[in-house]
Amino acid sequence: MWSWVLHRITGVSIFFFLLVHILDTALVRVSPEAYNAVINSYKTPIMGLGETALVAAIGFHALNGLRIILIDFWSVGTKHQRLMFWIVIALWIILLVGFVPRQFMHIFGGA
């Protein structure tokens, strides 16, 4: 159940990110000054943490999506769905261990 819930939450979060991204990029046509102000607001530590959450959401959503495909199209997918969930979690953690320290150095001035 938690896999289902997290997949929906990350999917909706990614959708809203894409909506905001399209809107803020469209600002360049309306007002370059407003666009520059929005882009400068993205250079704050809070937005850096938001980028970290976005990468975590995309990573989980992608890996869990592959798991769902395997469950649907692999004849023994349903039998191994719990094991595949834990493999998704392990791969997701590995992804984050590789990304988060570098991102934090960038956010907090270590790079």
PDB file of N, CA and C in Angstrom:
ATOM      1  N   MET A   1       0.806  -1.187   0.000  1.00  0.00           N
ATOM      2  CA  MET A   1       0.000   0.000   0.000  1.00  0.00           C
ATOM      3  C   MET A   1       0.860   1.266   0.000  1.00  0.00           C
ATOM      4  N   TRP A   2       1.948   1.262   0.782  1.00  0.00           N
ATOM      5  CA  TRP A   2       2.782   2.463   0.848  1.00  0.00           C
ATOM      6  C   TRP A   2       3.442   2.764  -0.486  1.00  0.00           C
ATOM      7  N   SER A   3       3.775   1.729  -1.214  1.00  0.00           N
ATOM      8  CA  SER A   3       4.337   1.937  -2.541  1.00  0.00           C
ATOM      9  C   SER A   3       3.338   2.660  -3.429  1.00  0.00           C
ATOM     10  N   TRP A   4       2.083   2.255  -3.364  1.00  0.00           N
ATOM     11  CA  TRP A   4       1.014   2.874  -4.148  1.00  0.00           C
ATOM     12  C   TRP A   4       0.849   4.338  -3.749  1.00  0.00           C
ATOM     13  N   VAL A   5       0.809   4.596  -2.442  1.00  0.00           N
ATOM     14  CA  VAL A   5       0.630   5.957  -1.938  1.00  0.00           C
ATOM     15  C   VAL A   5       1.804   6.843  -2.357  1.00  0.00           C
ATOM     16  N   LEU A   6       3.028   6.360  -2.143  1.00  0.00           N
ATOM     17  CA  LEU A   6       4.205   7.157  -2.502  1.00  0.00           C
ATOM     18  C   LEU A   6       4.291   7.407  -4.000  1.00  0.00           C
ATOM     19  N   HIS A   7       3.877   6.432  -4.793  1.00  0.00           N
ATOM     20  CA  HIS A   7       3.904   6.606  -6.245  1.00  0.00           C
ATOM     21  C   HIS A   7       2.945   7.727  -6.656  1.00  0.00           C
ATOM     22  N   ARG A   8       1.768   7.779  -6.041  1.00  0.00           N
ATOM     23  CA  ARG A   8       0.802   8.835  -6.358  1.00  0.00           C
ATOM     24  C   ARG A   8       1.288  10.194  -5.878  1.00  0.00           C
ATOM     25  N   ILE A   9       1.828  10.236  -4.665  1.00  0.00           N
ATOM     26  CA  ILE A   9       2.312  11.512  -4.113  1.00  0.00           C
ATOM     27  C   ILE A   9       3.457  12.057  -4.961  1.00  0.00           C
ATOM     28  N   THR A  10       4.416  11.205  -5.308  1.00  0.00           N
ATOM     29  CA  THR A  10       5.540  11.691  -6.116  1.00  0.00           C
ATOM     30  C   THR A  10       5.072  12.090  -7.510  1.00  0.00           C
ATOM     31  N   GLY A  11       4.122  11.355  -8.069  1.00  0.00           N
ATOM     32  CA  GLY A  11       3.609  11.703  -9.396  1.00  0.00           C
ATOM     33  C   GLY A  11       2.934  13.064  -9.407  1.00  0.00           C
ATOM     34  N   VAL A  12       2.095  13.329  -8.416  1.00  0.00           N
ATOM     35  CA  VAL A  12       1.413  14.616  -8.331  1.00  0.00           C
ATOM     36  C   VAL A  12       2.422  15.738  -8.062  1.00  0.00           C
ATOM     37  N   SER A  13       3.400  15.473  -7.212  1.00  0.00           N
ATOM     38  CA  SER A  13       4.433  16.485  -6.924  1.00  0.00           C
ATOM     39  C   SER A  13       5.224  16.830  -8.182  1.00  0.00           C
ATOM     40  N   ILE A  14       5.599  15.838  -8.944  1.00  0.00           N
ATOM     41  CA  ILE A  14       6.339  16.074 -10.188  1.00  0.00           C
ATOM     42  C   ILE A  14       5.479  16.853 -11.174  1.00  0.00           C
ATOM     43  N   PHE A  15       4.184  16.513 -11.250  1.00  0.00           N
ATOM     44  CA  PHE A  15       3.277  17.242 -12.132  1.00  0.00           C
ATOM     45  C   PHE A  15       3.240  18.725 -11.766  1.00  0.00           C
ATOM     46  N   PHE A  16       3.091  19.038 -10.467  1.00  0.00           N
ATOM     47  CA  PHE A  16       3.040  20.435 -10.063  1.00  0.00           C
ATOM     48  C   PHE A  16       4.368  21.140 -10.304  1.00  0.00           C
ATOM     49  N   PHE A  17       5.483  20.452 -10.118  1.00  0.00           N
ATOM     50  CA  PHE A  17       6.768  21.050 -10.449  1.00  0.00           C
ATOM     51  C   PHE A  17       6.815  21.418 -11.928  1.00  0.00           C
ATOM     52  N   LEU A  18       6.395  20.488 -12.786  1.00  0.00           N
ATOM     53  CA  LEU A  18       6.419  20.758 -14.225  1.00  0.00           C
ATOM     54  C   LEU A  18       5.512  21.923 -14.591  1.00  0.00           C
ATOM     55  N   LEU A  19       4.359  22.014 -13.958  1.00  0.00           N
ATOM     56  CA  LEU A  19       3.453  23.135 -14.207  1.00  0.00           C
ATOM     57  C   LEU A  19       4.120  24.455 -13.838  1.00  0.00           C
ATOM     58  N   VAL A  20       4.717  24.518 -12.648  1.00  0.00           N
ATOM     59  CA  VAL A  20       5.403  25.745 -12.219  1.00  0.00           C
ATOM     60  C   VAL A  20       6.582  26.041 -13.135  1.00  0.00           C
ATOM     61  N   HIS A  21       7.305  25.016 -13.535  1.00  0.00           N
ATOM     62  CA  HIS A  21       8.453  25.203 -14.424  1.00  0.00           C
ATOM     63  C   HIS A  21       8.017  25.803 -15.766  1.00  0.00           C
ATOM     64  N   ILE A  22       6.941  25.314 -16.317  1.00  0.00           N
ATOM     65  CA  ILE A  22       6.441  25.860 -17.581  1.00  0.00           C
ATOM     66  C   ILE A  22       6.005  27.307 -17.401  1.00  0.00           C
ATOM     67  N   LEU A  23       5.315  27.586 -16.304  1.00  0.00           N
ATOM     68  CA  LEU A  23       4.855  28.954 -16.056  1.00  0.00           C
ATOM     69  C   LEU A  23       6.012  29.922 -15.841  1.00  0.00           C
ATOM     70  N   ASP A  24       7.014  29.524 -15.047  1.00  0.00           N
ATOM     71  CA  ASP A  24       8.117  30.460 -14.814  1.00  0.00           C
ATOM     72  C   ASP A  24       8.973  30.636 -16.063  1.00  0.00           C
ATOM     73  N   THR A  25       9.085  29.619 -16.884  1.00  0.00           N
ATOM     74  CA  THR A  25       9.824  29.764 -18.133  1.00  0.00           C
ATOM     75  C   THR A  25       9.063  30.660 -19.108  1.00  0.00           C
ATOM     76  N   ALA A  26       7.746  30.592 -19.088  1.00  0.00           N
ATOM     77  CA  ALA A  26       6.933  31.432 -19.969  1.00  0.00           C
ATOM     78  C   ALA A  26       7.042  32.907 -19.598  1.00  0.00           C
ATOM     79  N   LEU A  27       7.448  33.197 -18.360  1.00  0.00           N
ATOM     80  CA  LEU A  27       7.607  34.590 -17.935  1.00  0.00           C
ATOM     81  C   LEU A  27       8.617  35.350 -18.784  1.00  0.00           C
ATOM     82  N   VAL A  28       9.566  34.659 -19.367  1.00  0.00           N
ATOM     83  CA  VAL A  28      10.594  35.331 -20.148  1.00  0.00           C
ATOM     84  C   VAL A  28       9.972  36.078 -21.328  1.00  0.00           C
ATOM     85  N   ARG A  29       8.855  35.576 -21.869  1.00  0.00           N
ATOM     86  CA  ARG A  29       8.161  36.248 -22.974  1.00  0.00           C
ATOM     87  C   ARG A  29       7.349  37.437 -22.490  1.00  0.00           C
ATOM     88  N   VAL A  30       6.819  37.341 -21.270  1.00  0.00           N
ATOM     89  CA  VAL A  30       5.953  38.388 -20.736  1.00  0.00           C
ATOM     90  C   VAL A  30       6.776  39.534 -20.158  1.00  0.00           C
ATOM     91  N   SER A  31       7.719  39.179 -19.286  1.00  0.00           N
ATOM     92  CA  SER A  31       8.526  40.198 -18.619  1.00  0.00           C
ATOM     93  C   SER A  31       9.882  39.607 -18.241  1.00  0.00           C
ATOM     94  N   PRO A  32      10.918  39.945 -18.993  1.00  0.00           N
ATOM     95  CA  PRO A  32      12.246  39.426 -18.647  1.00  0.00           C
ATOM     96  C   PRO A  32      12.692  39.795 -17.226  1.00  0.00           C
ATOM     97  N   GLU A  33      12.263  40.960 -16.738  1.00  0.00           N
ATOM     98  CA  GLU A  33      12.630  41.360 -15.377  1.00  0.00           C
ATOM     99  C   GLU A  33      11.984  40.436 -14.348  1.00  0.00           C
ATOM    100  N   ALA A  34      10.704  40.111 -14.559  1.00  0.00           N
ATOM    101  CA  ALA A  34      10.012  39.192 -13.652  1.00  0.00           C
ATOM    102  C   ALA A  34      10.656  37.807 -13.722  1.00  0.00           C
ATOM    103  N   TYR A  35      11.018  37.384 -14.924  1.00  0.00           N
ATOM    104  CA  TYR A  35      11.682  36.091 -15.084  1.00  0.00           C
ATOM    105  C   TYR A  35      12.981  36.062 -14.297  1.00  0.00           C
ATOM    106  N   ASN A  36      13.793  37.115 -14.418  1.00  0.00           N
ATOM    107  CA  ASN A  36      15.059  37.181 -13.689  1.00  0.00           C
ATOM    108  C   ASN A  36      14.834  37.177 -12.177  1.00  0.00           C
ATOM    109  N   ALA A  37      13.781  37.862 -11.722  1.00  0.00           N
ATOM    110  CA  ALA A  37      13.476  37.879 -10.287  1.00  0.00           C
ATOM    111  C   ALA A  37      13.107  36.478  -9.799  1.00  0.00           C
ATOM    112  N   VAL A  38      12.315  35.760 -10.579  1.00  0.00           N
ATOM    113  CA  VAL A  38      11.922  34.401 -10.194  1.00  0.00           C
ATOM    114  C   VAL A  38      13.149  33.490 -10.180  1.00  0.00           C
ATOM    115  N   ILE A  39      13.971  33.581 -11.207  1.00  0.00           N
ATOM    116  CA  ILE A  39      15.170  32.730 -11.275  1.00  0.00           C
ATOM    117  C   ILE A  39      16.102  33.031 -10.105  1.00  0.00           C
ATOM    118  N   ASN A  40      16.249  34.300  -9.741  1.00  0.00           N
ATOM    119  CA  ASN A  40      17.099  34.640  -8.595  1.00  0.00           C
ATOM    120  C   ASN A  40      16.533  34.091  -7.288  1.00  0.00           C
ATOM    121  N   SER A  41      15.215  34.004  -7.194  1.00  0.00           N
ATOM    122  CA  SER A  41      14.631  33.447  -5.972  1.00  0.00           C
ATOM    123  C   SER A  41      14.912  31.949  -5.860  1.00  0.00           C
ATOM    124  N   TYR A  42      15.227  31.306  -6.973  1.00  0.00           N
ATOM    125  CA  TYR A  42      15.532  29.878  -6.950  1.00  0.00           C
ATOM    126  C   TYR A  42      16.935  29.591  -6.431  1.00  0.00           C
ATOM    127  N   LYS A  43      17.722  30.601  -6.213  1.00  0.00           N
ATOM    128  CA  LYS A  43      19.103  30.407  -5.770  1.00  0.00           C
ATOM    129  C   LYS A  43      19.238  30.441  -4.249  1.00  0.00           C
ATOM    130  N   THR A  44      18.145  30.219  -3.545  1.00  0.00           N
ATOM    131  CA  THR A  44      18.164  30.229  -2.086  1.00  0.00           C
ATOM    132  C   THR A  44      18.337  28.797  -1.560  1.00  0.00           C
ATOM    133  N   PRO A  45      18.804  28.656  -0.314  1.00  0.00           N
ATOM    134  CA  PRO A  45      18.945  27.311   0.259  1.00  0.00           C
ATOM    135  C   PRO A  45      17.620  26.543   0.331  1.00  0.00           C
ATOM    136  N   ILE A  46      16.519  27.244   0.577  1.00  0.00           N
ATOM    137  CA  ILE A  46      15.215  26.568   0.627  1.00  0.00           C
ATOM    138  C   ILE A  46      14.906  25.922  -0.719  1.00  0.00           C
ATOM    139  N   MET A  47      15.154  26.632  -1.799  1.00  0.00           N
ATOM    140  CA  MET A  47      14.889  26.071  -3.126  1.00  0.00           C
ATOM    141  C   MET A  47      15.881  24.950  -3.437  1.00  0.00           C
ATOM    142  N   GLY A  48      17.101  25.057  -2.920  1.00  0.00           N
ATOM    143  CA  GLY A  48      18.064  23.967  -3.080  1.00  0.00           C
ATOM    144  C   GLY A  48      17.588  22.692  -2.404  1.00  0.00           C
ATOM    145  N   LEU A  49      16.990  22.849  -1.232  1.00  0.00           N
ATOM    146  CA  LEU A  49      16.408  21.687  -0.558  1.00  0.00           C
ATOM    147  C   LEU A  49      15.205  21.159  -1.344  1.00  0.00           C
ATOM    148  N   GLY A  50      14.454  22.083  -1.960  1.00  0.00           N
ATOM    149  CA  GLY A  50      13.346  21.668  -2.816  1.00  0.00           C
ATOM    150  C   GLY A  50      13.830  20.875  -4.018  1.00  0.00           C
ATOM    151  N   GLU A  51      14.967  21.286  -4.582  1.00  0.00           N
ATOM    152  CA  GLU A  51      15.554  20.525  -5.696  1.00  0.00           C
ATOM    153  C   GLU A  51      15.952  19.122  -5.239  1.00  0.00           C
ATOM    154  N   THR A  52      16.468  19.026  -4.025  1.00  0.00           N
ATOM    155  CA  THR A  52      16.820  17.719  -3.470  1.00  0.00           C
ATOM    156  C   THR A  52      15.577  16.842  -3.346  1.00  0.00           C
ATOM    157  N   ALA A  53      14.488  17.420  -2.845  1.00  0.00           N
ATOM    158  CA  ALA A  53      13.231  16.674  -2.733  1.00  0.00           C
ATOM    159  C   ALA A  53      12.712  16.286  -4.116  1.00  0.00           C
ATOM    160  N   LEU A  54      12.880  17.171  -5.096  1.00  0.00           N
ATOM    161  CA  LEU A  54      12.439  16.862  -6.457  1.00  0.00           C
ATOM    162  C   LEU A  54      13.206  15.675  -7.032  1.00  0.00           C
ATOM    163  N   VAL A  55      14.518  15.654  -6.853  1.00  0.00           N
ATOM    164  CA  VAL A  55      15.321  14.530  -7.349  1.00  0.00           C
ATOM    165  C   VAL A  55      14.918  13.243  -6.627  1.00  0.00           C
ATOM    166  N   ALA A  56      14.670  13.343  -5.324  1.00  0.00           N
ATOM    167  CA  ALA A  56      14.228  12.157  -4.574  1.00  0.00           C
ATOM    168  C   ALA A  56      12.888  11.658  -5.109  1.00  0.00           C
ATOM    169  N   ALA A  57      11.966  12.572  -5.380  1.00  0.00           N
ATOM    170  CA  ALA A  57      10.648  12.180  -5.897  1.00  0.00           C
ATOM    171  C   ALA A  57      10.762  11.555  -7.287  1.00  0.00           C
ATOM    172  N   ILE A  58      11.544  12.166  -8.154  1.00  0.00           N
ATOM    173  CA  ILE A  58      11.707  11.635  -9.509  1.00  0.00           C
ATOM    174  C   ILE A  58      12.376  10.263  -9.466  1.00  0.00           C
ATOM    175  N   GLY A  59      13.396  10.129  -8.632  1.00  0.00           N
ATOM    176  CA  GLY A  59      14.092   8.844  -8.529  1.00  0.00           C
ATOM    177  C   GLY A  59      13.172   7.735  -8.047  1.00  0.00           C
ATOM    178  N   PHE A  60      12.424   8.007  -6.974  1.00  0.00           N
ATOM    179  CA  PHE A  60      11.511   6.980  -6.472  1.00  0.00           C
ATOM    180  C   PHE A  60      10.429   6.666  -7.495  1.00  0.00           C
ATOM    181  N   HIS A  61       9.851   7.692  -8.093  1.00  0.00           N
ATOM    182  CA  HIS A  61       8.765   7.495  -9.047  1.00  0.00           C
ATOM    183  C   HIS A  61       9.233   6.663 -10.241  1.00  0.00           C
ATOM    184  N   ALA A  62      10.431   6.951 -10.731  1.00  0.00           N
ATOM    185  CA  ALA A  62      10.955   6.206 -11.882  1.00  0.00           C
ATOM    186  C   ALA A  62      11.232   4.747 -11.529  1.00  0.00           C
ATOM    187  N   LEU A  63      11.917   4.525 -10.421  1.00  0.00           N
ATOM    188  CA  LEU A  63      12.246   3.152 -10.032  1.00  0.00           C
ATOM    189  C   LEU A  63      10.992   2.348  -9.695  1.00  0.00           C
ATOM    190  N   ASN A  64      10.064   2.964  -8.994  1.00  0.00           N
ATOM    191  CA  ASN A  64       8.823   2.263  -8.669  1.00  0.00           C
ATOM    192  C   ASN A  64       7.991   2.015  -9.926  1.00  0.00           C
ATOM    193  N   GLY A  65       8.056   2.922 -10.875  1.00  0.00           N
ATOM    194  CA  GLY A  65       7.367   2.710 -12.142  1.00  0.00           C
ATOM    195  C   GLY A  65       7.904   1.493 -12.879  1.00  0.00           C
ATOM    196  N   LEU A  66       9.217   1.312 -12.849  1.00  0.00           N
ATOM    197  CA  LEU A  66       9.804   0.109 -13.449  1.00  0.00           C
ATOM    198  C   LEU A  66       9.339  -1.149 -12.718  1.00  0.00           C
ATOM    199  N   ARG A  67       9.232  -1.060 -11.406  1.00  0.00           N
ATOM    200  CA  ARG A  67       8.724  -2.185 -10.610  1.00  0.00           C
ATOM    201  C   ARG A  67       7.287  -2.519 -11.007  1.00  0.00           C
ATOM    202  N   ILE A  68       6.476  -1.511 -11.196  1.00  0.00           N
ATOM    203  CA  ILE A  68       5.082  -1.726 -11.597  1.00  0.00           C
ATOM    204  C   ILE A  68       5.016  -2.379 -12.977  1.00  0.00           C
ATOM    205  N   ILE A  69       5.870  -1.942 -13.888  1.00  0.00           N
ATOM    206  CA  ILE A  69       5.919  -2.567 -15.216  1.00  0.00           C
ATOM    207  C   ILE A  69       6.274  -4.046 -15.094  1.00  0.00           C
ATOM    208  N   LEU A  70       7.268  -4.349 -14.251  1.00  0.00           N
ATOM    209  CA  LEU A  70       7.639  -5.754 -14.060  1.00  0.00           C
ATOM    210  C   LEU A  70       6.494  -6.560 -13.455  1.00  0.00           C
ATOM    211  N   ILE A  71       5.782  -5.992 -12.508  1.00  0.00           N
ATOM    212  CA  ILE A  71       4.642  -6.694 -11.909  1.00  0.00           C
ATOM    213  C   ILE A  71       3.585  -6.982 -12.977  1.00  0.00           C
ATOM    214  N   ASP A  72       3.350  -6.013 -13.856  1.00  0.00           N
ATOM    215  CA  ASP A  72       2.309  -6.173 -14.871  1.00  0.00           C
ATOM    216  C   ASP A  72       2.688  -7.134 -15.987  1.00  0.00           C
ATOM    217  N   PHE A  73       3.948  -7.119 -16.402  1.00  0.00           N
ATOM    218  CA  PHE A  73       4.320  -7.852 -17.609  1.00  0.00           C
ATOM    219  C   PHE A  73       5.213  -9.075 -17.386  1.00  0.00           C
ATOM    220  N   TRP A  74       5.677  -9.301 -16.178  1.00  0.00           N
ATOM    221  CA  TRP A  74       6.515 -10.463 -15.886  1.00  0.00           C
ATOM    222  C   TRP A  74       5.623 -11.500 -15.226  1.00  0.00           C
ATOM    223  N   SER A  75       5.669 -12.709 -15.702  1.00  0.00           N
ATOM    224  CA  SER A  75       4.728 -13.731 -15.231  1.00  0.00           C
ATOM    225  C   SER A  75       4.821 -14.002 -13.728  1.00  0.00           C
ATOM    226  N   VAL A  76       5.984 -13.822 -13.131  1.00  0.00           N
ATOM    227  CA  VAL A  76       6.119 -14.033 -11.686  1.00  0.00           C
ATOM    228  C   VAL A  76       6.290 -12.705 -10.937  1.00  0.00           C
ATOM    229  N   GLY A  77       5.927 -11.618 -11.599  1.00  0.00           N
ATOM    230  CA  GLY A  77       6.085 -10.295 -10.989  1.00  0.00           C
ATOM    231  C   GLY A  77       5.309 -10.122  -9.712  1.00  0.00           C
ATOM    232  N   THR A  78       4.077 -10.606  -9.689  1.00  0.00           N
ATOM    233  CA  THR A  78       3.275 -10.448  -8.466  1.00  0.00           C
ATOM    234  C   THR A  78       3.839 -11.266  -7.305  1.00  0.00           C
ATOM    235  N   LYS A  79       4.445 -12.387  -7.633  1.00  0.00           N
ATOM    236  CA  LYS A  79       5.040 -13.234  -6.591  1.00  0.00           C
ATOM    237  C   LYS A  79       6.221 -12.532  -5.916  1.00  0.00           C
ATOM    238  N   HIS A  80       6.967 -11.769  -6.696  1.00  0.00           N
ATOM    239  CA  HIS A  80       8.183 -11.122  -6.191  1.00  0.00           C
ATOM    240  C   HIS A  80       8.009  -9.622  -5.952  1.00  0.00           C
ATOM    241  N   GLN A  81       6.777  -9.140  -5.897  1.00  0.00           N
ATOM    242  CA  GLN A  81       6.572  -7.696  -5.795  1.00  0.00           C
ATOM    243  C   GLN A  81       7.128  -7.099  -4.506  1.00  0.00           C
ATOM    244  N   ARG A  82       7.066  -7.811  -3.399  1.00  0.00           N
ATOM    245  CA  ARG A  82       7.601  -7.286  -2.133  1.00  0.00           C
ATOM    246  C   ARG A  82       9.128  -7.165  -2.198  1.00  0.00           C
ATOM    247  N   LEU A  83       9.790  -8.182  -2.730  1.00  0.00           N
ATOM    248  CA  LEU A  83      11.240  -8.134  -2.895  1.00  0.00           C
ATOM    249  C   LEU A  83      11.636  -6.988  -3.830  1.00  0.00           C
ATOM    250  N   MET A  84      10.884  -6.844  -4.916  1.00  0.00           N
ATOM    251  CA  MET A  84      11.184  -5.759  -5.857  1.00  0.00           C
ATOM    252  C   MET A  84      10.993  -4.394  -5.211  1.00  0.00           C
ATOM    253  N   PHE A  85      10.024  -4.264  -4.297  1.00  0.00           N
ATOM    254  CA  PHE A  85       9.846  -2.999  -3.591  1.00  0.00           C
ATOM    255  C   PHE A  85      11.090  -2.653  -2.779  1.00  0.00           C
ATOM    256  N   TRP A  86      11.638  -3.642  -2.071  1.00  0.00           N
ATOM    257  CA  TRP A  86      12.831  -3.378  -1.263  1.00  0.00           C
ATOM    258  C   TRP A  86      14.058  -3.123  -2.137  1.00  0.00           C
ATOM    259  N   ILE A  87      14.095  -3.727  -3.313  1.00  0.00           N
ATOM    260  CA  ILE A  87      15.176  -3.425  -4.261  1.00  0.00           C
ATOM    261  C   ILE A  87      15.049  -1.978  -4.737  1.00  0.00           C
ATOM    262  N   VAL A  88      13.820  -1.540  -5.007  1.00  0.00           N
ATOM    263  CA  VAL A  88      13.578  -0.145  -5.389  1.00  0.00           C
ATOM    264  C   VAL A  88      14.054   0.792  -4.285  1.00  0.00           C
ATOM    265  N   ILE A  89      13.718   0.487  -3.055  1.00  0.00           N
ATOM    266  CA  ILE A  89      14.142   1.335  -1.926  1.00  0.00           C
ATOM    267  C   ILE A  89      15.668   1.369  -1.832  1.00  0.00           C
ATOM    268  N   ALA A  90      16.313   0.224  -1.982  1.00  0.00           N
ATOM    269  CA  ALA A  90      17.785   0.175  -1.903  1.00  0.00           C
ATOM    270  C   ALA A  90      18.413   0.997  -3.035  1.00  0.00           C
ATOM    271  N   LEU A  91      17.926   0.837  -4.250  1.00  0.00           N
ATOM    272  CA  LEU A  91      18.467   1.606  -5.371  1.00  0.00           C
ATOM    273  C   LEU A  91      18.211   3.095  -5.193  1.00  0.00           C
ATOM    274  N   TRP A  92      17.048   3.435  -4.663  1.00  0.00           N
ATOM    275  CA  TRP A  92      16.699   4.833  -4.422  1.00  0.00           C
ATOM    276  C   TRP A  92      17.640   5.452  -3.392  1.00  0.00           C
ATOM    277  N   ILE A  93      17.934   4.712  -2.338  1.00  0.00           N
ATOM    278  CA  ILE A  93      18.868   5.206  -1.320  1.00  0.00           C
ATOM    279  C   ILE A  93      20.266   5.379  -1.908  1.00  0.00           C
ATOM    280  N   ILE A  94      20.699   4.438  -2.730  1.00  0.00           N
ATOM    281  CA  ILE A  94      22.007   4.561  -3.393  1.00  0.00           C
ATOM    282  C   ILE A  94      22.039   5.805  -4.263  1.00  0.00           C
ATOM    283  N   LEU A  95      20.961   6.045  -4.999  1.00  0.00           N
ATOM    284  CA  LEU A  95      20.861   7.254  -5.823  1.00  0.00           C
ATOM    285  C   LEU A  95      20.996   8.501  -4.969  1.00  0.00           C
ATOM    286  N   LEU A  96      20.288   8.527  -3.851  1.00  0.00           N
ATOM    287  CA  LEU A  96      20.331   9.702  -2.986  1.00  0.00           C
ATOM    288  C   LEU A  96      21.679   9.878  -2.302  1.00  0.00           C
ATOM    289  N   VAL A  97      22.319   8.771  -1.926  1.00  0.00           N
ATOM    290  CA  VAL A  97      23.645   8.858  -1.302  1.00  0.00           C
ATOM    291  C   VAL A  97      24.641   9.467  -2.288  1.00  0.00           C
ATOM    292  N   GLY A  98      24.463   9.199  -3.559  1.00  0.00           N
ATOM    293  CA  GLY A  98      25.338   9.783  -4.570  1.00  0.00           C
ATOM    294  C   GLY A  98      25.021  11.236  -4.873  1.00  0.00           C
ATOM    295  N   PHE A  99      23.771  11.645  -4.689  1.00  0.00           N
ATOM    296  CA  PHE A  99      23.355  12.993  -5.074  1.00  0.00           C
ATOM    297  C   PHE A  99      23.355  13.994  -3.921  1.00  0.00           C
ATOM    298  N   VAL A 100      22.805  13.619  -2.791  1.00  0.00           N
ATOM    299  CA  VAL A 100      22.557  14.568  -1.702  1.00  0.00           C
ATOM    300  C   VAL A 100      23.827  15.245  -1.176  1.00  0.00           C
ATOM    301  N   PRO A 101      24.928  14.534  -0.919  1.00  0.00           N
ATOM    302  CA  PRO A 101      26.108  15.253  -0.411  1.00  0.00           C
ATOM    303  C   PRO A 101      26.616  16.330  -1.376  1.00  0.00           C
ATOM    304  N   ARG A 102      26.650  16.009  -2.643  1.00  0.00           N
ATOM    305  CA  ARG A 102      27.107  16.993  -3.629  1.00  0.00           C
ATOM    306  C   ARG A 102      26.138  18.169  -3.710  1.00  0.00           C
ATOM    307  N   GLN A 103      24.862  17.882  -3.663  1.00  0.00           N
ATOM    308  CA  GLN A 103      23.860  18.943  -3.697  1.00  0.00           C
ATOM    309  C   GLN A 103      23.972  19.837  -2.468  1.00  0.00           C
ATOM    310  N   PHE A 104      24.174  19.228  -1.303  1.00  0.00           N
ATOM    311  CA  PHE A 104      24.312  20.030  -0.086  1.00  0.00           C
ATOM    312  C   PHE A 104      25.574  20.895  -0.124  1.00  0.00           C
ATOM    313  N   MET A 105      26.654  20.377  -0.703  1.00  0.00           N
ATOM    314  CA  MET A 105      27.859  21.211  -0.848  1.00  0.00           C
ATOM    315  C   MET A 105      27.550  22.400  -1.744  1.00  0.00           C
ATOM    316  N   HIS A 106      26.773  22.175  -2.772  1.00  0.00           N
ATOM    317  CA  HIS A 106      26.407  23.270  -3.672  1.00  0.00           C
ATOM    318  C   HIS A 106      25.490  24.276  -2.968  1.00  0.00           C
ATOM    319  N   ILE A 107      24.529  23.778  -2.223  1.00  0.00           N
ATOM    320  CA  ILE A 107      23.564  24.645  -1.540  1.00  0.00           C
ATOM    321  C   ILE A 107      24.233  25.483  -0.461  1.00  0.00           C
ATOM    322  N   PHE A 108      25.044  24.838   0.353  1.00  0.00           N
ATOM    323  CA  PHE A 108      25.590  25.511   1.529  1.00  0.00           C
ATOM    324  C   PHE A 108      27.013  26.016   1.344  1.00  0.00           C
ATOM    325  N   GLY A 109      27.461  26.106   0.095  1.00  0.00           N
ATOM    326  CA  GLY A 109      28.714  26.779  -0.205  1.00  0.00           C
ATOM    327  C   GLY A 109      29.969  25.956  -0.085  1.00  0.00           C
ATOM    328  N   GLY A 110      29.878  24.648  -0.051  1.00  0.00           N
ATOM    329  CA  GLY A 110      31.064  23.826   0.068  1.00  0.00           C
ATOM    330  C   GLY A 110      31.723  23.508  -1.263  1.00  0.00           C
ATOM    331  N   ALA A 111      31.092  23.906  -2.384  1.00  0.00           N
ATOM    332  CA  ALA A 111      31.659  23.563  -3.695  1.00  0.00           C
ATOM    333  C   ALA A 111      31.949  24.795  -4.504  1.00  0.00           C
TER     334      ALA A 111
END
